[in-house]
Amino acid sequence: MKVLLLTPAPTSLHLGGFATVARWREGLQARGHLCELFGSTDEGGLKQSLEGTLGRFKPDLVHAHDAARTGQQLLGLRTPWVVSLSGEDLHHDMLDEQRGALVCEVVRRAHRVLAPSAAAAREVEERVPDAVGKIDVVPRSARRLATNGTDLRLSLGIPKQRFLVFLPGGLRPIKGQHRAVAVVGILRAAGADVEMIIAGPDQDPVYAADLRALCQQQPGVRVLPTLAADRMGAAYLDADVVLNTSLSEGAAPTILEAGLLGRPIVASAVSGNQELIRHRETGLLYESEEDMAKQILALWRNRSAAGALGVRVREDFQRRFDVERELGALLSAYAAA
């Protein structure tokens, strides 16, 4: 099969989406399928139009990841096409007054719609009844990242005994990093020697600038630019806690990556995170900023409990989010299209 994969562009701003599409491409190619990726030219490729790529490659199927950012380009395409939904699609773009109707039209006209969970599939069916019967659940997976990159603590001069909270993800309002800044002050007031590192691309320049200004007012918080792929695994291992502050999520790649490395996770109790984390079994979920501080403080006080959470989440993710299982579900959706 010849498959053209569309990824949100530029990839430097949509790292999670690109990682997902790149993983699908690698898996499909390993099974003998011919794949091309259309999206960004960040990696030095020549700029090409989608129409030109379709004419040259002549795919049997086109797969657009992220309905709002890539799926709209496929409306009217005669070649069979599918769309996989991002967290932004599910919890923001489909509900947006200006763009919602067009995103729902993409879902309505796609040959198949790929949702990351059964709960997400039910949400789509409620919003777009015409999609009933053509939604496939393709659970996200993640590969275990290499951990031999530069030590984050060493490069930033963070003492080994200091409790390090790592908050990765693109800087934009829906990711909610601003909610975590004041938490560091609360933790320090409770006697915790803690530091927080926020790292990710500036996906919303205004929000990113406001966040940096806010962090400058709070000792113990640093904002870093995007970490190279070969440094992310080491950064996760350096952290005592990996934090998620999202106001909504689909299947957060950062949670999957951290979990596969056995890191304790504290995440907001939104539906997508609840699909990944079982509270107090494989991680900790919180409803408010006050609750966030309590959960982190509990892990600071009980390092052995934190370690046990890390072991359980790694075992759970290895079982539930296997790459081959994801690929099998993906190919089944392609066959149905």
C-alpha atoms as a PDB file:
ATOM      1  CA  MET A   1       0.000   0.000   0.000  1.00  0.00           C
ATOM      2  CA  LYS A   2       1.142   3.539  -0.750  1.00  0.00           C
ATOM      3  CA  VAL A   3       0.240   5.910   2.083  1.00  0.00           C
ATOM      4  CA  LEU A   4       0.682   9.675   2.182  1.00  0.00           C
ATOM      5  CA  LEU A   5       0.834  10.932   5.779  1.00  0.00           C
ATOM      6  CA  LEU A   6       0.044  14.583   6.541  1.00  0.00           C
ATOM      7  CA  THR A   7       1.490  16.161   9.678  1.00  0.00           C
ATOM      8  CA  PRO A   8       0.812  19.613  11.190  1.00  0.00           C
ATOM      9  CA  ALA A   9       3.466  22.119  10.180  1.00  0.00           C
ATOM     10  CA  PRO A  10       5.925  23.354  11.094  1.00  0.00           C
ATOM     11  CA  THR A  11       7.046  20.293  12.986  1.00  0.00           C
ATOM     12  CA  SER A  12       9.194  22.416  15.314  1.00  0.00           C
ATOM     13  CA  LEU A  13       5.937  23.750  16.808  1.00  0.00           C
ATOM     14  CA  HIS A  14       3.946  20.501  16.687  1.00  0.00           C
ATOM     15  CA  LEU A  15       6.427  18.033  18.115  1.00  0.00           C
ATOM     16  CA  GLY A  16       3.827  15.639  19.544  1.00  0.00           C
ATOM     17  CA  GLY A  17       1.917  15.394  16.276  1.00  0.00           C
ATOM     18  CA  PHE A  18       5.080  14.911  14.262  1.00  0.00           C
ATOM     19  CA  ALA A  19       6.332  12.211  16.650  1.00  0.00           C
ATOM     20  CA  THR A  20       3.049  10.345  16.226  1.00  0.00           C
ATOM     21  CA  VAL A  21       3.086  10.539  12.428  1.00  0.00           C
ATOM     22  CA  ALA A  22       6.791   9.641  12.244  1.00  0.00           C
ATOM     23  CA  ARG A  23       6.112   6.568  14.405  1.00  0.00           C
ATOM     24  CA  TRP A  24       3.315   5.488  12.052  1.00  0.00           C
ATOM     25  CA  ARG A  25       5.546   5.976   9.024  1.00  0.00           C
ATOM     26  CA  GLU A  26       8.317   3.900  10.579  1.00  0.00           C
ATOM     27  CA  GLY A  27       5.915   1.102  11.514  1.00  0.00           C
ATOM     28  CA  LEU A  28       4.215   1.014   8.135  1.00  0.00           C
ATOM     29  CA  GLN A  29       7.530   0.939   6.304  1.00  0.00           C
ATOM     30  CA  ALA A  30       8.733  -1.905   8.537  1.00  0.00           C
ATOM     31  CA  ARG A  31       5.712  -3.901   7.352  1.00  0.00           C
ATOM     32  CA  GLY A  32       6.526  -3.272   3.710  1.00  0.00           C
ATOM     33  CA  HIS A  33       4.249  -0.346   2.910  1.00  0.00           C
ATOM     34  CA  LEU A  34       5.491   2.660   0.934  1.00  0.00           C
ATOM     35  CA  CYS A  35       5.037   5.918   2.839  1.00  0.00           C
ATOM     36  CA  GLU A  36       5.707   9.581   2.325  1.00  0.00           C
ATOM     37  CA  LEU A  37       5.261  12.396   4.815  1.00  0.00           C
ATOM     38  CA  PHE A  38       3.891  15.783   3.800  1.00  0.00           C
ATOM     39  CA  GLY A  39       4.059  18.747   6.139  1.00  0.00           C
ATOM     40  CA  SER A  40       7.040  20.762   7.239  1.00  0.00           C
ATOM     41  CA  THR A  41      10.342  21.503   5.558  1.00  0.00           C
ATOM     42  CA  ASP A  42      12.094  21.839   8.930  1.00  0.00           C
ATOM     43  CA  GLU A  43      14.360  18.921   8.039  1.00  0.00           C
ATOM     44  CA  GLY A  44      15.653  20.547   4.879  1.00  0.00           C
ATOM     45  CA  GLY A  45      13.254  19.070   2.336  1.00  0.00           C
ATOM     46  CA  LEU A  46      12.145  20.950  -0.745  1.00  0.00           C
ATOM     47  CA  LYS A  47       8.839  22.778  -0.498  1.00  0.00           C
ATOM     48  CA  GLN A  48       6.109  21.013  -2.460  1.00  0.00           C
ATOM     49  CA  SER A  49       2.392  21.582  -2.832  1.00  0.00           C
ATOM     50  CA  LEU A  50      -0.015  18.916  -1.637  1.00  0.00           C
ATOM     51  CA  GLU A  51      -1.519  18.745  -5.112  1.00  0.00           C
ATOM     52  CA  GLY A  52       1.917  18.192  -6.637  1.00  0.00           C
ATOM     53  CA  THR A  53       2.774  15.518  -4.074  1.00  0.00           C
ATOM     54  CA  LEU A  54      -0.492  13.688  -4.740  1.00  0.00           C
ATOM     55  CA  GLY A  55       0.138  13.788  -8.475  1.00  0.00           C
ATOM     56  CA  ARG A  56       3.679  12.518  -8.172  1.00  0.00           C
ATOM     57  CA  PHE A  57       3.282   9.911  -5.411  1.00  0.00           C
ATOM     58  CA  LYS A  58      -0.212   8.661  -6.387  1.00  0.00           C
ATOM     59  CA  PRO A  59      -1.052   7.206  -2.963  1.00  0.00           C
ATOM     60  CA  ASP A  60      -3.641   4.502  -2.404  1.00  0.00           C
ATOM     61  CA  LEU A  61      -4.686   6.285   0.767  1.00  0.00           C
ATOM     62  CA  VAL A  62      -4.083   9.656   2.420  1.00  0.00           C
ATOM     63  CA  HIS A  63      -3.954   9.960   6.213  1.00  0.00           C
ATOM     64  CA  ALA A  64      -4.250  13.431   7.738  1.00  0.00           C
ATOM     65  CA  HIS A  65      -3.300  13.764  11.398  1.00  0.00           C
ATOM     66  CA  ASP A  66      -5.099  16.679  13.089  1.00  0.00           C
ATOM     67  CA  ALA A  67      -8.385  17.547  11.400  1.00  0.00           C
ATOM     68  CA  ALA A  68      -8.127  21.300  11.898  1.00  0.00           C
ATOM     69  CA  ARG A  69      -4.574  21.688  10.592  1.00  0.00           C
ATOM     70  CA  THR A  70      -4.323  19.066   7.848  1.00  0.00           C
ATOM     71  CA  GLY A  71      -7.723  17.473   7.255  1.00  0.00           C
ATOM     72  CA  GLN A  72      -9.319  20.537   5.696  1.00  0.00           C
ATOM     73  CA  GLN A  73      -6.940  20.230   2.756  1.00  0.00           C
ATOM     74  CA  LEU A  74      -8.507  16.897   1.826  1.00  0.00           C
ATOM     75  CA  LEU A  75     -12.129  17.998   1.454  1.00  0.00           C
ATOM     76  CA  GLY A  76     -13.167  16.987  -2.051  1.00  0.00           C
ATOM     77  CA  LEU A  77     -10.266  14.558  -2.551  1.00  0.00           C
ATOM     78  CA  ARG A  78     -11.265  11.506  -4.605  1.00  0.00           C
ATOM     79  CA  THR A  79      -8.502   9.276  -3.225  1.00  0.00           C
ATOM     80  CA  PRO A  80      -9.642   7.440  -0.049  1.00  0.00           C
ATOM     81  CA  TRP A  81      -8.600   9.417   3.005  1.00  0.00           C
ATOM     82  CA  VAL A  82      -8.752   9.118   6.770  1.00  0.00           C
ATOM     83  CA  VAL A  83      -8.248  11.623   9.559  1.00  0.00           C
ATOM     84  CA  SER A  84      -6.838  11.019  13.036  1.00  0.00           C
ATOM     85  CA  LEU A  85      -7.964  13.416  15.740  1.00  0.00           C
ATOM     86  CA  SER A  86      -5.611  15.320  18.013  1.00  0.00           C
ATOM     87  CA  GLY A  87      -6.443  16.481  21.504  1.00  0.00           C
ATOM     88  CA  GLU A  88      -6.761  20.002  20.131  1.00  0.00           C
ATOM     89  CA  ASP A  89      -9.369  18.767  17.633  1.00  0.00           C
ATOM     90  CA  LEU A  90     -11.407  17.018  20.314  1.00  0.00           C
ATOM     91  CA  HIS A  91     -11.406  19.616  23.052  1.00  0.00           C
ATOM     92  CA  HIS A  92     -10.955  22.927  21.289  1.00  0.00           C
ATOM     93  CA  ASP A  93     -11.277  23.127  17.508  1.00  0.00           C
ATOM     94  CA  MET A  94     -14.499  21.096  17.186  1.00  0.00           C
ATOM     95  CA  LEU A  95     -16.117  23.402  19.752  1.00  0.00           C
ATOM     96  CA  ASP A  96     -14.750  26.671  18.358  1.00  0.00           C
ATOM     97  CA  GLU A  97     -17.437  29.055  17.077  1.00  0.00           C
ATOM     98  CA  GLN A  98     -15.462  29.987  13.980  1.00  0.00           C
ATOM     99  CA  ARG A  99     -13.702  26.750  13.038  1.00  0.00           C
ATOM    100  CA  GLY A 100     -15.880  24.105  14.660  1.00  0.00           C
ATOM    101  CA  ALA A 101     -18.281  23.637  11.751  1.00  0.00           C
ATOM    102  CA  LEU A 102     -15.453  23.111   9.253  1.00  0.00           C
ATOM    103  CA  VAL A 103     -13.620  20.648  11.522  1.00  0.00           C
ATOM    104  CA  CYS A 104     -16.851  18.686  11.977  1.00  0.00           C
ATOM    105  CA  GLU A 105     -17.280  18.690   8.192  1.00  0.00           C
ATOM    106  CA  VAL A 106     -13.836  17.081   7.871  1.00  0.00           C
ATOM    107  CA  VAL A 107     -14.968  14.367  10.293  1.00  0.00           C
ATOM    108  CA  ARG A 108     -18.245  13.956   8.420  1.00  0.00           C
ATOM    109  CA  ARG A 109     -16.628  13.506   4.995  1.00  0.00           C
ATOM    110  CA  ALA A 110     -13.560  11.421   5.903  1.00  0.00           C
ATOM    111  CA  HIS A 111     -13.717   7.763   4.885  1.00  0.00           C
ATOM    112  CA  ARG A 112     -12.618   6.746   8.396  1.00  0.00           C
ATOM    113  CA  VAL A 113     -12.030   8.720  11.585  1.00  0.00           C
ATOM    114  CA  LEU A 114      -9.316   7.602  14.014  1.00  0.00           C
ATOM    115  CA  ALA A 115      -9.841   8.430  17.706  1.00  0.00           C
ATOM    116  CA  PRO A 116      -7.236   7.830  20.434  1.00  0.00           C
ATOM    117  CA  SER A 117      -9.685   6.220  22.891  1.00  0.00           C
ATOM    118  CA  ALA A 118     -13.202   4.825  23.217  1.00  0.00           C
ATOM    119  CA  ALA A 119     -14.211   7.870  25.260  1.00  0.00           C
ATOM    120  CA  ALA A 120     -12.991  10.194  22.489  1.00  0.00           C
ATOM    121  CA  ALA A 121     -14.893   8.129  19.913  1.00  0.00           C
ATOM    122  CA  ARG A 122     -18.123   8.566  21.895  1.00  0.00           C
ATOM    123  CA  GLU A 123     -17.578  12.332  22.054  1.00  0.00           C
ATOM    124  CA  VAL A 124     -17.169  12.480  18.275  1.00  0.00           C
ATOM    125  CA  GLU A 125     -20.318  10.439  17.709  1.00  0.00           C
ATOM    126  CA  GLU A 126     -22.304  12.846  19.882  1.00  0.00           C
ATOM    127  CA  ARG A 127     -21.021  15.895  18.009  1.00  0.00           C
ATOM    128  CA  VAL A 128     -21.082  14.427  14.493  1.00  0.00           C
ATOM    129  CA  PRO A 129     -23.808  11.763  14.252  1.00  0.00           C
ATOM    130  CA  ASP A 130     -22.905  11.141  10.586  1.00  0.00           C
ATOM    131  CA  ALA A 131     -19.589   9.716  11.785  1.00  0.00           C
ATOM    132  CA  VAL A 132     -21.266   6.830  13.628  1.00  0.00           C
ATOM    133  CA  GLY A 133     -20.062   3.544  12.154  1.00  0.00           C
ATOM    134  CA  LYS A 134     -16.844   4.886  10.673  1.00  0.00           C
ATOM    135  CA  ILE A 135     -14.811   5.666  13.808  1.00  0.00           C
ATOM    136  CA  ASP A 136     -11.853   3.435  14.673  1.00  0.00           C
ATOM    137  CA  VAL A 137     -10.150   3.516  18.061  1.00  0.00           C
ATOM    138  CA  VAL A 138      -6.379   3.579  17.531  1.00  0.00           C
ATOM    139  CA  PRO A 139      -4.737   3.922  20.969  1.00  0.00           C
ATOM    140  CA  ARG A 140      -1.542   5.963  20.873  1.00  0.00           C
ATOM    141  CA  SER A 141       1.737   4.343  21.755  1.00  0.00           C
ATOM    142  CA  ALA A 142       5.222   5.694  22.334  1.00  0.00           C
ATOM    143  CA  ARG A 143       8.712   4.328  22.036  1.00  0.00           C
ATOM    144  CA  ARG A 144      11.125   4.298  24.939  1.00  0.00           C
ATOM    145  CA  LEU A 145      13.405   7.290  24.422  1.00  0.00           C
ATOM    146  CA  ALA A 146      17.175   7.005  24.551  1.00  0.00           C
ATOM    147  CA  THR A 147      18.513   8.220  27.891  1.00  0.00           C
ATOM    148  CA  ASN A 148      22.180   8.837  27.120  1.00  0.00           C
ATOM    149  CA  GLY A 149      21.795  12.544  26.328  1.00  0.00           C
ATOM    150  CA  THR A 150      23.195  15.478  28.282  1.00  0.00           C
ATOM    151  CA  ASP A 151      22.319  15.444  31.979  1.00  0.00           C
ATOM    152  CA  LEU A 152      19.801  18.245  32.618  1.00  0.00           C
ATOM    153  CA  ARG A 153      20.834  18.701  36.238  1.00  0.00           C
ATOM    154  CA  LEU A 154      24.512  18.894  35.344  1.00  0.00           C
ATOM    155  CA  SER A 155      24.016  21.364  32.492  1.00  0.00           C
ATOM    156  CA  LEU A 156      21.834  23.651  34.637  1.00  0.00           C
ATOM    157  CA  GLY A 157      23.731  23.238  37.914  1.00  0.00           C
ATOM    158  CA  ILE A 158      20.825  21.660  39.796  1.00  0.00           C
ATOM    159  CA  PRO A 159      21.967  19.721  42.904  1.00  0.00           C
ATOM    160  CA  LYS A 160      21.086  16.023  42.929  1.00  0.00           C
ATOM    161  CA  GLN A 161      19.278  16.329  46.260  1.00  0.00           C
ATOM    162  CA  ARG A 162      16.938  19.042  44.951  1.00  0.00           C
ATOM    163  CA  PHE A 163      13.453  17.809  44.012  1.00  0.00           C
ATOM    164  CA  LEU A 164      13.067  18.467  40.271  1.00  0.00           C
ATOM    165  CA  VAL A 165       9.658  18.888  38.628  1.00  0.00           C
ATOM    166  CA  PHE A 166       9.764  18.650  34.831  1.00  0.00           C
ATOM    167  CA  LEU A 167       6.900  20.171  32.817  1.00  0.00           C
ATOM    168  CA  PRO A 168       7.356  19.450  29.072  1.00  0.00           C
ATOM    169  CA  GLY A 169       5.036  20.563  26.273  1.00  0.00           C
ATOM    170  CA  GLY A 170       4.304  23.315  23.792  1.00  0.00           C
ATOM    171  CA  LEU A 171       3.748  26.769  25.281  1.00  0.00           C
ATOM    172  CA  ARG A 172       0.145  27.636  24.495  1.00  0.00           C
ATOM    173  CA  PRO A 173      -2.918  28.390  26.654  1.00  0.00           C
ATOM    174  CA  ILE A 174      -4.508  24.945  26.460  1.00  0.00           C
ATOM    175  CA  LYS A 175      -1.375  23.388  27.991  1.00  0.00           C
ATOM    176  CA  GLY A 176      -1.879  25.498  31.114  1.00  0.00           C
ATOM    177  CA  GLN A 177       1.734  25.856  32.269  1.00  0.00           C
ATOM    178  CA  HIS A 178       0.867  29.130  34.012  1.00  0.00           C
ATOM    179  CA  ARG A 179      -1.111  27.131  36.599  1.00  0.00           C
ATOM    180  CA  ALA A 180       2.070  25.483  37.875  1.00  0.00           C
ATOM    181  CA  VAL A 181       4.209  28.572  38.488  1.00  0.00           C
ATOM    182  CA  ALA A 182       2.694  29.572  41.825  1.00  0.00           C
ATOM    183  CA  VAL A 183       2.840  25.943  43.006  1.00  0.00           C
ATOM    184  CA  VAL A 184       6.625  26.177  43.397  1.00  0.00           C
ATOM    185  CA  GLY A 185       6.185  28.964  45.939  1.00  0.00           C
ATOM    186  CA  ILE A 186       3.658  26.840  47.862  1.00  0.00           C
ATOM    187  CA  LEU A 187       6.029  23.876  47.906  1.00  0.00           C
ATOM    188  CA  ARG A 188       8.970  25.959  49.063  1.00  0.00           C
ATOM    189  CA  ALA A 189       6.850  27.507  51.808  1.00  0.00           C
ATOM    190  CA  ALA A 190       6.156  23.947  52.990  1.00  0.00           C
ATOM    191  CA  GLY A 191       9.902  23.342  53.297  1.00  0.00           C
ATOM    192  CA  ALA A 192      10.521  21.526  50.023  1.00  0.00           C
ATOM    193  CA  ASP A 193      13.796  22.180  48.202  1.00  0.00           C
ATOM    194  CA  VAL A 194      12.186  22.117  44.772  1.00  0.00           C
ATOM    195  CA  GLU A 195      12.823  23.472  41.295  1.00  0.00           C
ATOM    196  CA  MET A 196      10.646  23.396  38.200  1.00  0.00           C
ATOM    197  CA  ILE A 197      11.800  23.210  34.587  1.00  0.00           C
ATOM    198  CA  ILE A 198       9.319  24.089  31.840  1.00  0.00           C
ATOM    199  CA  ALA A 199      10.441  23.135  28.330  1.00  0.00           C
ATOM    200  CA  GLY A 200       8.741  23.337  24.959  1.00  0.00           C
ATOM    201  CA  PRO A 201       8.303  25.301  21.739  1.00  0.00           C
ATOM    202  CA  ASP A 202       6.583  28.704  21.660  1.00  0.00           C
ATOM    203  CA  GLN A 203       3.319  27.654  19.993  1.00  0.00           C
ATOM    204  CA  ASP A 204       1.565  30.856  21.069  1.00  0.00           C
ATOM    205  CA  PRO A 205       4.097  33.734  21.184  1.00  0.00           C
ATOM    206  CA  VAL A 206       1.944  35.983  23.386  1.00  0.00           C
ATOM    207  CA  TYR A 207       1.254  33.228  25.904  1.00  0.00           C
ATOM    208  CA  ALA A 208       4.909  32.152  25.891  1.00  0.00           C
ATOM    209  CA  ALA A 209       6.068  35.718  26.576  1.00  0.00           C
ATOM    210  CA  ASP A 210       3.550  36.135  29.405  1.00  0.00           C
ATOM    211  CA  LEU A 211       4.605  32.797  30.893  1.00  0.00           C
ATOM    212  CA  ARG A 212       8.278  33.742  30.877  1.00  0.00           C
ATOM    213  CA  ALA A 213       7.481  37.062  32.546  1.00  0.00           C
ATOM    214  CA  LEU A 214       5.477  35.230  35.202  1.00  0.00           C
ATOM    215  CA  CYS A 215       8.304  32.760  35.813  1.00  0.00           C
ATOM    216  CA  GLN A 216      10.812  35.560  36.296  1.00  0.00           C
ATOM    217  CA  GLN A 217       8.802  36.609  39.340  1.00  0.00           C
ATOM    218  CA  GLN A 218       8.938  33.134  40.884  1.00  0.00           C
ATOM    219  CA  PRO A 219      12.299  31.824  42.159  1.00  0.00           C
ATOM    220  CA  GLY A 220      12.874  28.188  41.338  1.00  0.00           C
ATOM    221  CA  VAL A 221      11.169  28.140  37.933  1.00  0.00           C
ATOM    222  CA  ARG A 222      12.980  28.135  34.577  1.00  0.00           C
ATOM    223  CA  VAL A 223      11.637  28.060  31.040  1.00  0.00           C
ATOM    224  CA  LEU A 224      13.829  26.344  28.456  1.00  0.00           C
ATOM    225  CA  PRO A 225      13.455  26.194  24.685  1.00  0.00           C
ATOM    226  CA  THR A 226      12.593  22.908  23.003  1.00  0.00           C
ATOM    227  CA  LEU A 227      14.956  20.131  24.020  1.00  0.00           C
ATOM    228  CA  ALA A 228      16.488  18.057  21.239  1.00  0.00           C
ATOM    229  CA  ALA A 229      15.068  14.556  20.913  1.00  0.00           C
ATOM    230  CA  ASP A 230      18.278  12.987  22.165  1.00  0.00           C
ATOM    231  CA  ARG A 231      18.036  15.046  25.389  1.00  0.00           C
ATOM    232  CA  MET A 232      14.405  14.385  26.281  1.00  0.00           C
ATOM    233  CA  GLY A 233      14.946  10.869  27.618  1.00  0.00           C
ATOM    234  CA  ALA A 234      17.728  12.057  29.920  1.00  0.00           C
ATOM    235  CA  ALA A 235      15.576  15.010  31.025  1.00  0.00           C
ATOM    236  CA  TYR A 236      12.760  12.673  32.053  1.00  0.00           C
ATOM    237  CA  LEU A 237      15.169  10.525  34.061  1.00  0.00           C
ATOM    238  CA  ASP A 238      16.595  13.586  35.813  1.00  0.00           C
ATOM    239  CA  ALA A 239      13.121  14.569  37.028  1.00  0.00           C
ATOM    240  CA  ASP A 240      11.646  13.430  40.330  1.00  0.00           C
ATOM    241  CA  VAL A 241       8.169  14.189  38.954  1.00  0.00           C
ATOM    242  CA  VAL A 242       6.890  14.763  35.419  1.00  0.00           C
ATOM    243  CA  LEU A 243       4.003  17.235  35.496  1.00  0.00           C
ATOM    244  CA  ASN A 244       1.101  17.764  33.089  1.00  0.00           C
ATOM    245  CA  THR A 245      -1.010  20.923  33.482  1.00  0.00           C
ATOM    246  CA  SER A 246      -3.221  20.694  30.382  1.00  0.00           C
ATOM    247  CA  LEU A 247      -6.748  22.069  30.360  1.00  0.00           C
ATOM    248  CA  SER A 248      -7.600  19.289  27.889  1.00  0.00           C
ATOM    249  CA  GLU A 249      -5.729  16.390  26.299  1.00  0.00           C
ATOM    250  CA  GLY A 250      -6.130  13.598  23.792  1.00  0.00           C
ATOM    251  CA  ALA A 251      -3.309  11.173  24.523  1.00  0.00           C
ATOM    252  CA  ALA A 252      -0.361  13.268  25.706  1.00  0.00           C
ATOM    253  CA  PRO A 253       2.932  12.009  24.192  1.00  0.00           C
ATOM    254  CA  THR A 254       4.845  13.483  27.131  1.00  0.00           C
ATOM    255  CA  ILE A 255       2.890  11.344  29.596  1.00  0.00           C
ATOM    256  CA  LEU A 256       3.436   8.244  27.475  1.00  0.00           C
ATOM    257  CA  GLU A 257       7.160   8.961  27.128  1.00  0.00           C
ATOM    258  CA  ALA A 258       7.603   9.653  30.834  1.00  0.00           C
ATOM    259  CA  GLY A 259       5.605   6.595  31.822  1.00  0.00           C
ATOM    260  CA  LEU A 260       7.604   4.249  29.626  1.00  0.00           C
ATOM    261  CA  LEU A 261      10.726   5.485  31.412  1.00  0.00           C
ATOM    262  CA  GLY A 262       9.155   4.785  34.790  1.00  0.00           C
ATOM    263  CA  ARG A 263       8.851   8.379  35.956  1.00  0.00           C
ATOM    264  CA  PRO A 264       6.248   9.393  38.578  1.00  0.00           C
ATOM    265  CA  ILE A 265       3.531  11.449  36.879  1.00  0.00           C
ATOM    266  CA  VAL A 266       1.222  14.129  38.273  1.00  0.00           C
ATOM    267  CA  ALA A 267      -1.390  15.191  35.722  1.00  0.00           C
ATOM    268  CA  SER A 268      -4.550  17.264  35.460  1.00  0.00           C
ATOM    269  CA  ALA A 269      -7.714  15.189  35.739  1.00  0.00           C
ATOM    270  CA  VAL A 270      -9.002  15.855  32.231  1.00  0.00           C
ATOM    271  CA  SER A 271     -10.599  13.073  30.206  1.00  0.00           C
ATOM    272  CA  GLY A 272      -7.589  12.278  28.000  1.00  0.00           C
ATOM    273  CA  ASN A 273      -5.272  11.987  31.006  1.00  0.00           C
ATOM    274  CA  GLN A 274      -7.792   9.827  32.839  1.00  0.00           C
ATOM    275  CA  GLU A 275      -7.587   7.392  29.925  1.00  0.00           C
ATOM    276  CA  LEU A 276      -3.836   7.069  30.528  1.00  0.00           C
ATOM    277  CA  ILE A 277      -3.425   7.380  34.312  1.00  0.00           C
ATOM    278  CA  ARG A 278      -5.278   5.542  37.079  1.00  0.00           C
ATOM    279  CA  HIS A 279      -5.232   7.795  40.131  1.00  0.00           C
ATOM    280  CA  ARG A 280      -3.016   6.518  42.959  1.00  0.00           C
ATOM    281  CA  GLU A 281      -2.294   3.324  41.025  1.00  0.00           C
ATOM    282  CA  THR A 282      -0.139   4.461  38.105  1.00  0.00           C
ATOM    283  CA  GLY A 283       0.080   8.191  38.808  1.00  0.00           C
ATOM    284  CA  LEU A 284      -1.629  11.091  40.549  1.00  0.00           C
ATOM    285  CA  LEU A 285      -4.418  13.244  39.102  1.00  0.00           C
ATOM    286  CA  TYR A 286      -5.531  16.636  40.394  1.00  0.00           C
ATOM    287  CA  GLU A 287      -8.526  18.942  39.948  1.00  0.00           C
ATOM    288  CA  SER A 288      -7.114  22.306  41.090  1.00  0.00           C
ATOM    289  CA  GLU A 289      -3.838  24.153  41.591  1.00  0.00           C
ATOM    290  CA  GLU A 290      -4.111  23.536  45.329  1.00  0.00           C
ATOM    291  CA  ASP A 291      -4.604  19.839  44.683  1.00  0.00           C
ATOM    292  CA  MET A 292      -1.636  19.873  42.278  1.00  0.00           C
ATOM    293  CA  ALA A 293       0.601  21.219  45.039  1.00  0.00           C
ATOM    294  CA  LYS A 294      -0.657  18.570  47.484  1.00  0.00           C
ATOM    295  CA  GLN A 295       0.083  15.720  45.057  1.00  0.00           C
ATOM    296  CA  ILE A 296       3.607  16.925  44.304  1.00  0.00           C
ATOM    297  CA  LEU A 297       4.261  17.529  47.990  1.00  0.00           C
ATOM    298  CA  ALA A 298       3.117  13.979  48.801  1.00  0.00           C
ATOM    299  CA  LEU A 299       5.708  12.569  46.393  1.00  0.00           C
ATOM    300  CA  TRP A 300       8.415  14.858  47.786  1.00  0.00           C
ATOM    301  CA  ARG A 301       7.696  13.546  51.266  1.00  0.00           C
ATOM    302  CA  ASN A 302       7.549   9.895  50.215  1.00  0.00           C
ATOM    303  CA  ARG A 303      10.200   9.081  47.608  1.00  0.00           C
ATOM    304  CA  SER A 304       9.588   5.332  47.893  1.00  0.00           C
ATOM    305  CA  ALA A 305       5.906   5.818  46.993  1.00  0.00           C
ATOM    306  CA  ALA A 306       6.986   7.953  44.028  1.00  0.00           C
ATOM    307  CA  GLY A 307       9.319   5.190  42.877  1.00  0.00           C
ATOM    308  CA  ALA A 308       6.565   2.606  43.178  1.00  0.00           C
ATOM    309  CA  LEU A 309       4.250   4.737  41.016  1.00  0.00           C
ATOM    310  CA  GLY A 310       6.989   4.933  38.394  1.00  0.00           C
ATOM    311  CA  VAL A 311       7.397   1.153  38.309  1.00  0.00           C
ATOM    312  CA  ARG A 312       3.655   0.553  38.002  1.00  0.00           C
ATOM    313  CA  VAL A 313       3.115   3.114  35.257  1.00  0.00           C
ATOM    314  CA  ARG A 314       5.979   1.655  33.216  1.00  0.00           C
ATOM    315  CA  GLU A 315       4.557  -1.856  33.467  1.00  0.00           C
ATOM    316  CA  ASP A 316       1.045  -0.597  32.683  1.00  0.00           C
ATOM    317  CA  PHE A 317       2.121   1.428  29.632  1.00  0.00           C
ATOM    318  CA  GLN A 318       4.251  -1.394  28.258  1.00  0.00           C
ATOM    319  CA  ARG A 319       1.179  -3.610  28.332  1.00  0.00           C
ATOM    320  CA  ARG A 320      -1.501  -1.168  27.154  1.00  0.00           C
ATOM    321  CA  PHE A 321       0.298   1.054  24.655  1.00  0.00           C
ATOM    322  CA  ASP A 322       2.326  -1.367  22.591  1.00  0.00           C
ATOM    323  CA  VAL A 323       3.573  -0.025  19.244  1.00  0.00           C
ATOM    324  CA  GLU A 324       2.596  -3.176  17.331  1.00  0.00           C
ATOM    325  CA  ARG A 325      -0.926  -3.078  18.721  1.00  0.00           C
ATOM    326  CA  GLU A 326      -1.264   0.541  17.617  1.00  0.00           C
ATOM    327  CA  LEU A 327      -0.028  -0.344  14.131  1.00  0.00           C
ATOM    328  CA  GLY A 328      -2.455  -3.245  13.854  1.00  0.00           C
ATOM    329  CA  ALA A 329      -5.380  -0.953  14.702  1.00  0.00           C
ATOM    330  CA  LEU A 330      -4.100   1.598  12.198  1.00  0.00           C
ATOM    331  CA  LEU A 331      -3.947  -0.962   9.374  1.00  0.00           C
ATOM    332  CA  SER A 332      -7.448  -2.208  10.213  1.00  0.00           C
ATOM    333  CA  ALA A 333      -8.739   1.356   9.834  1.00  0.00           C
ATOM    334  CA  TYR A 334      -6.918   1.680   6.512  1.00  0.00           C
ATOM    335  CA  ALA A 335      -8.502  -1.542   5.252  1.00  0.00           C
ATOM    336  CA  ALA A 336     -11.963  -0.288   6.203  1.00  0.00           C
ATOM    337  CA  ALA A 337     -11.341   2.950   4.278  1.00  0.00           C
END
